[in-house]
Amino acid sequence: MDEEIKERKKHFDSIFGTDTLHNIDFNNLPLLKQLFEYFEEDIYKPSPKYEELRKKHIEVADLLEQSFTEAQQTLFEKYWEIENEMSVEESQQLFYFRMYNGKRIRKRNQANYKRKSRKLGIPPIPSFSIFYI
């Protein structure tokens, strides 16, 4: 298992008191990571509020940059890069956590459905059904 994915699952488990590391199979996470990157780069359309905040952010950054010495400018750029990395990490973590929760809910719902369907004599949903996804 990819170390990054393993660490995210451990982190998720520590927050929510779950055991996704051992109970949920995420063999398709490399695909999920690509999906996240595609979403982030190609699909995401900023809201008007985000655009307004972004514009203000740029204006303030421009004012700061005009007042910097060369050393301060370099330090500010480094700060900006780290801030962006933190933002990407936060977005990825939230994305993965949503997927983990979705898997947990799906697993629980499948177990509940199986239990109830046996009780009522209803046949289980075939694995190829669109409701099983």
C-alpha atoms as a PDB file:
ATOM      1  CA  MET A   1       0.000   0.000   0.000  1.00  0.00           C
ATOM      2  CA  ASP A   2       1.263   3.470  -0.888  1.00  0.00           C
ATOM      3  CA  GLU A   3       2.758   5.099   2.245  1.00  0.00           C
ATOM      4  CA  GLU A   4       0.876   8.354   1.681  1.00  0.00           C
ATOM      5  CA  ILE A   5      -2.436   6.472   1.544  1.00  0.00           C
ATOM      6  CA  LYS A   6      -1.502   4.409   4.599  1.00  0.00           C
ATOM      7  CA  GLU A   7      -0.712   7.583   6.564  1.00  0.00           C
ATOM      8  CA  ARG A   8      -3.994   9.197   5.519  1.00  0.00           C
ATOM      9  CA  LYS A   9      -5.933   6.124   6.628  1.00  0.00           C
ATOM     10  CA  LYS A  10      -4.098   6.079   9.982  1.00  0.00           C
ATOM     11  CA  HIS A  11      -4.866   9.758  10.424  1.00  0.00           C
ATOM     12  CA  PHE A  12      -8.531   9.179   9.559  1.00  0.00           C
ATOM     13  CA  ASP A  13      -8.707   6.271  12.022  1.00  0.00           C
ATOM     14  CA  SER A  14      -7.154   8.357  14.795  1.00  0.00           C
ATOM     15  CA  ILE A  15      -9.732  11.117  14.297  1.00  0.00           C
ATOM     16  CA  PHE A  16     -12.852   8.988  13.849  1.00  0.00           C
ATOM     17  CA  GLY A  17     -11.940   5.959  15.975  1.00  0.00           C
ATOM     18  CA  THR A  18     -12.261   3.599  12.996  1.00  0.00           C
ATOM     19  CA  ASP A  19     -10.075   0.882  11.544  1.00  0.00           C
ATOM     20  CA  THR A  20     -10.087   1.652   7.816  1.00  0.00           C
ATOM     21  CA  LEU A  21      -6.483   0.514   7.602  1.00  0.00           C
ATOM     22  CA  HIS A  22      -7.600  -3.097   8.111  1.00  0.00           C
ATOM     23  CA  ASN A  23     -11.316  -3.079   7.276  1.00  0.00           C
ATOM     24  CA  ILE A  24     -11.649  -1.158   4.020  1.00  0.00           C
ATOM     25  CA  ASP A  25      -9.861  -2.059   0.814  1.00  0.00           C
ATOM     26  CA  PHE A  26      -8.781   0.897  -1.274  1.00  0.00           C
ATOM     27  CA  ASN A  27      -6.996  -0.779  -4.153  1.00  0.00           C
ATOM     28  CA  ASN A  28      -8.382   1.916  -6.431  1.00  0.00           C
ATOM     29  CA  LEU A  29      -6.838   4.845  -4.515  1.00  0.00           C
ATOM     30  CA  PRO A  30      -4.227   5.655  -7.185  1.00  0.00           C
ATOM     31  CA  LEU A  31      -7.189   6.161  -9.495  1.00  0.00           C
ATOM     32  CA  LEU A  32      -8.881   8.200  -6.766  1.00  0.00           C
ATOM     33  CA  LYS A  33      -5.799  10.394  -6.456  1.00  0.00           C
ATOM     34  CA  GLN A  34      -5.845  10.998 -10.215  1.00  0.00           C
ATOM     35  CA  LEU A  35      -9.550  11.805  -9.966  1.00  0.00           C
ATOM     36  CA  PHE A  36      -8.803  14.358  -7.240  1.00  0.00           C
ATOM     37  CA  GLU A  37      -6.062  15.961  -9.320  1.00  0.00           C
ATOM     38  CA  TYR A  38      -8.356  16.072 -12.360  1.00  0.00           C
ATOM     39  CA  PHE A  39     -11.117  17.604 -10.241  1.00  0.00           C
ATOM     40  CA  GLU A  40      -8.781  20.137  -8.717  1.00  0.00           C
ATOM     41  CA  GLU A  41      -7.178  21.233 -11.981  1.00  0.00           C
ATOM     42  CA  ASP A  42      -9.833  20.778 -14.652  1.00  0.00           C
ATOM     43  CA  ILE A  43     -13.302  20.596 -13.140  1.00  0.00           C
ATOM     44  CA  TYR A  44     -13.290  22.981 -10.204  1.00  0.00           C
ATOM     45  CA  LYS A  45     -14.921  26.304 -10.996  1.00  0.00           C
ATOM     46  CA  PRO A  46     -14.407  28.951  -8.304  1.00  0.00           C
ATOM     47  CA  SER A  47     -17.439  30.567  -6.725  1.00  0.00           C
ATOM     48  CA  PRO A  48     -17.958  34.341  -6.972  1.00  0.00           C
ATOM     49  CA  LYS A  49     -16.991  34.694  -3.293  1.00  0.00           C
ATOM     50  CA  TYR A  50     -13.756  32.776  -3.905  1.00  0.00           C
ATOM     51  CA  GLU A  51     -12.961  35.015  -6.891  1.00  0.00           C
ATOM     52  CA  GLU A  52     -13.587  38.116  -4.771  1.00  0.00           C
ATOM     53  CA  LEU A  53     -11.301  36.820  -2.005  1.00  0.00           C
ATOM     54  CA  ARG A  54      -8.664  35.826  -4.546  1.00  0.00           C
ATOM     55  CA  LYS A  55      -8.714  39.322  -6.046  1.00  0.00           C
ATOM     56  CA  LYS A  56      -8.255  40.906  -2.589  1.00  0.00           C
ATOM     57  CA  HIS A  57      -5.491  38.430  -1.798  1.00  0.00           C
ATOM     58  CA  ILE A  58      -3.610  39.379  -4.963  1.00  0.00           C
ATOM     59  CA  GLU A  59      -4.023  43.109  -4.271  1.00  0.00           C
ATOM     60  CA  VAL A  60      -2.571  42.751  -0.767  1.00  0.00           C
ATOM     61  CA  ALA A  61       0.237  40.504  -2.020  1.00  0.00           C
ATOM     62  CA  ASP A  62       1.122  43.060  -4.709  1.00  0.00           C
ATOM     63  CA  LEU A  63       1.284  45.851  -2.119  1.00  0.00           C
ATOM     64  CA  LEU A  64       3.507  43.716   0.088  1.00  0.00           C
ATOM     65  CA  GLU A  65       5.828  42.776  -2.771  1.00  0.00           C
ATOM     66  CA  GLN A  66       6.329  46.422  -3.726  1.00  0.00           C
ATOM     67  CA  SER A  67       7.601  47.183  -0.231  1.00  0.00           C
ATOM     68  CA  PHE A  68       9.969  44.181   0.063  1.00  0.00           C
ATOM     69  CA  THR A  69      13.712  44.070  -0.193  1.00  0.00           C
ATOM     70  CA  GLU A  70      15.094  41.229  -2.315  1.00  0.00           C
ATOM     71  CA  ALA A  71      15.654  39.043   0.788  1.00  0.00           C
ATOM     72  CA  GLN A  72      12.132  39.749   2.043  1.00  0.00           C
ATOM     73  CA  GLN A  73      10.727  38.939  -1.398  1.00  0.00           C
ATOM     74  CA  THR A  74      12.509  35.563  -1.410  1.00  0.00           C
ATOM     75  CA  LEU A  75      11.234  34.801   2.087  1.00  0.00           C
ATOM     76  CA  PHE A  76       7.705  35.810   1.117  1.00  0.00           C
ATOM     77  CA  GLU A  77       7.781  33.569  -1.966  1.00  0.00           C
ATOM     78  CA  LYS A  78       8.896  30.642   0.187  1.00  0.00           C
ATOM     79  CA  TYR A  79       6.077  31.413   2.632  1.00  0.00           C
ATOM     80  CA  TRP A  80       3.588  31.536  -0.258  1.00  0.00           C
ATOM     81  CA  GLU A  81       4.760  28.167  -1.620  1.00  0.00           C
ATOM     82  CA  ILE A  82       4.380  26.505   1.787  1.00  0.00           C
ATOM     83  CA  GLU A  83       0.936  28.052   2.224  1.00  0.00           C
ATOM     84  CA  ASN A  84      -0.118  26.628  -1.152  1.00  0.00           C
ATOM     85  CA  GLU A  85       1.224  23.166  -0.262  1.00  0.00           C
ATOM     86  CA  MET A  86      -0.733  23.283   3.004  1.00  0.00           C
ATOM     87  CA  SER A  87      -3.895  24.198   1.111  1.00  0.00           C
ATOM     88  CA  VAL A  88      -3.447  21.296  -1.313  1.00  0.00           C
ATOM     89  CA  GLU A  89      -2.789  18.902   1.598  1.00  0.00           C
ATOM     90  CA  GLU A  90      -5.937  20.089   3.361  1.00  0.00           C
ATOM     91  CA  SER A  91      -8.033  19.693   0.210  1.00  0.00           C
ATOM     92  CA  GLN A  92      -6.682  16.209  -0.447  1.00  0.00           C
ATOM     93  CA  GLN A  93      -7.287  15.143   3.143  1.00  0.00           C
ATOM     94  CA  LEU A  94     -10.906  16.340   3.042  1.00  0.00           C
ATOM     95  CA  PHE A  95     -11.430  14.601  -0.299  1.00  0.00           C
ATOM     96  CA  TYR A  96     -10.025  11.296   0.984  1.00  0.00           C
ATOM     97  CA  PHE A  97     -11.927  11.557   4.266  1.00  0.00           C
ATOM     98  CA  ARG A  98     -15.163  11.934   2.315  1.00  0.00           C
ATOM     99  CA  MET A  99     -14.288   8.838   0.323  1.00  0.00           C
ATOM    100  CA  TYR A 100     -13.412   6.881   3.479  1.00  0.00           C
ATOM    101  CA  ASN A 101     -16.701   7.870   5.072  1.00  0.00           C
ATOM    102  CA  GLY A 102     -18.551   6.935   1.900  1.00  0.00           C
ATOM    103  CA  LYS A 103     -16.931   3.489   1.952  1.00  0.00           C
ATOM    104  CA  ARG A 104     -17.808   3.054   5.652  1.00  0.00           C
ATOM    105  CA  ILE A 105     -21.427   4.079   5.064  1.00  0.00           C
ATOM    106  CA  ARG A 106     -21.699   1.811   2.031  1.00  0.00           C
ATOM    107  CA  LYS A 107     -20.327  -1.139   3.983  1.00  0.00           C
ATOM    108  CA  ARG A 108     -22.710  -0.515   6.883  1.00  0.00           C
ATOM    109  CA  ASN A 109     -25.698  -0.094   4.540  1.00  0.00           C
ATOM    110  CA  GLN A 110     -24.848  -3.305   2.693  1.00  0.00           C
ATOM    111  CA  ALA A 111     -24.662  -5.202   5.976  1.00  0.00           C
ATOM    112  CA  ASN A 112     -27.976  -3.698   7.145  1.00  0.00           C
ATOM    113  CA  TYR A 113     -29.646  -4.499   3.825  1.00  0.00           C
ATOM    114  CA  LYS A 114     -28.420  -8.096   3.899  1.00  0.00           C
ATOM    115  CA  ARG A 115     -29.627  -8.532   7.476  1.00  0.00           C
ATOM    116  CA  LYS A 116     -33.043  -6.996   6.771  1.00  0.00           C
ATOM    117  CA  SER A 117     -33.506  -8.766   3.431  1.00  0.00           C
ATOM    118  CA  ARG A 118     -32.796 -12.139   5.051  1.00  0.00           C
ATOM    119  CA  LYS A 119     -35.312 -11.316   7.761  1.00  0.00           C
ATOM    120  CA  LEU A 120     -37.969 -10.348   5.185  1.00  0.00           C
ATOM    121  CA  GLY A 121     -37.092 -13.066   2.660  1.00  0.00           C
ATOM    122  CA  ILE A 122     -36.041 -10.543  -0.030  1.00  0.00           C
ATOM    123  CA  PRO A 123     -33.260 -11.664  -2.397  1.00  0.00           C
ATOM    124  CA  PRO A 124     -29.998  -9.699  -2.134  1.00  0.00           C
ATOM    125  CA  ILE A 125     -29.139  -7.089  -4.742  1.00  0.00           C
ATOM    126  CA  PRO A 126     -26.864  -8.587  -7.434  1.00  0.00           C
ATOM    127  CA  SER A 127     -23.345  -7.118  -7.479  1.00  0.00           C
ATOM    128  CA  PHE A 128     -23.824  -5.802 -11.005  1.00  0.00           C
ATOM    129  CA  SER A 129     -26.784  -3.642  -9.972  1.00  0.00           C
ATOM    130  CA  ILE A 130     -26.409   0.141 -10.183  1.00  0.00           C
ATOM    131  CA  PHE A 131     -27.564   0.299  -6.549  1.00  0.00           C
ATOM    132  CA  TYR A 132     -24.526  -1.694  -5.450  1.00  0.00           C
ATOM    133  CA  ILE A 133     -21.954   0.817  -6.680  1.00  0.00           C
END
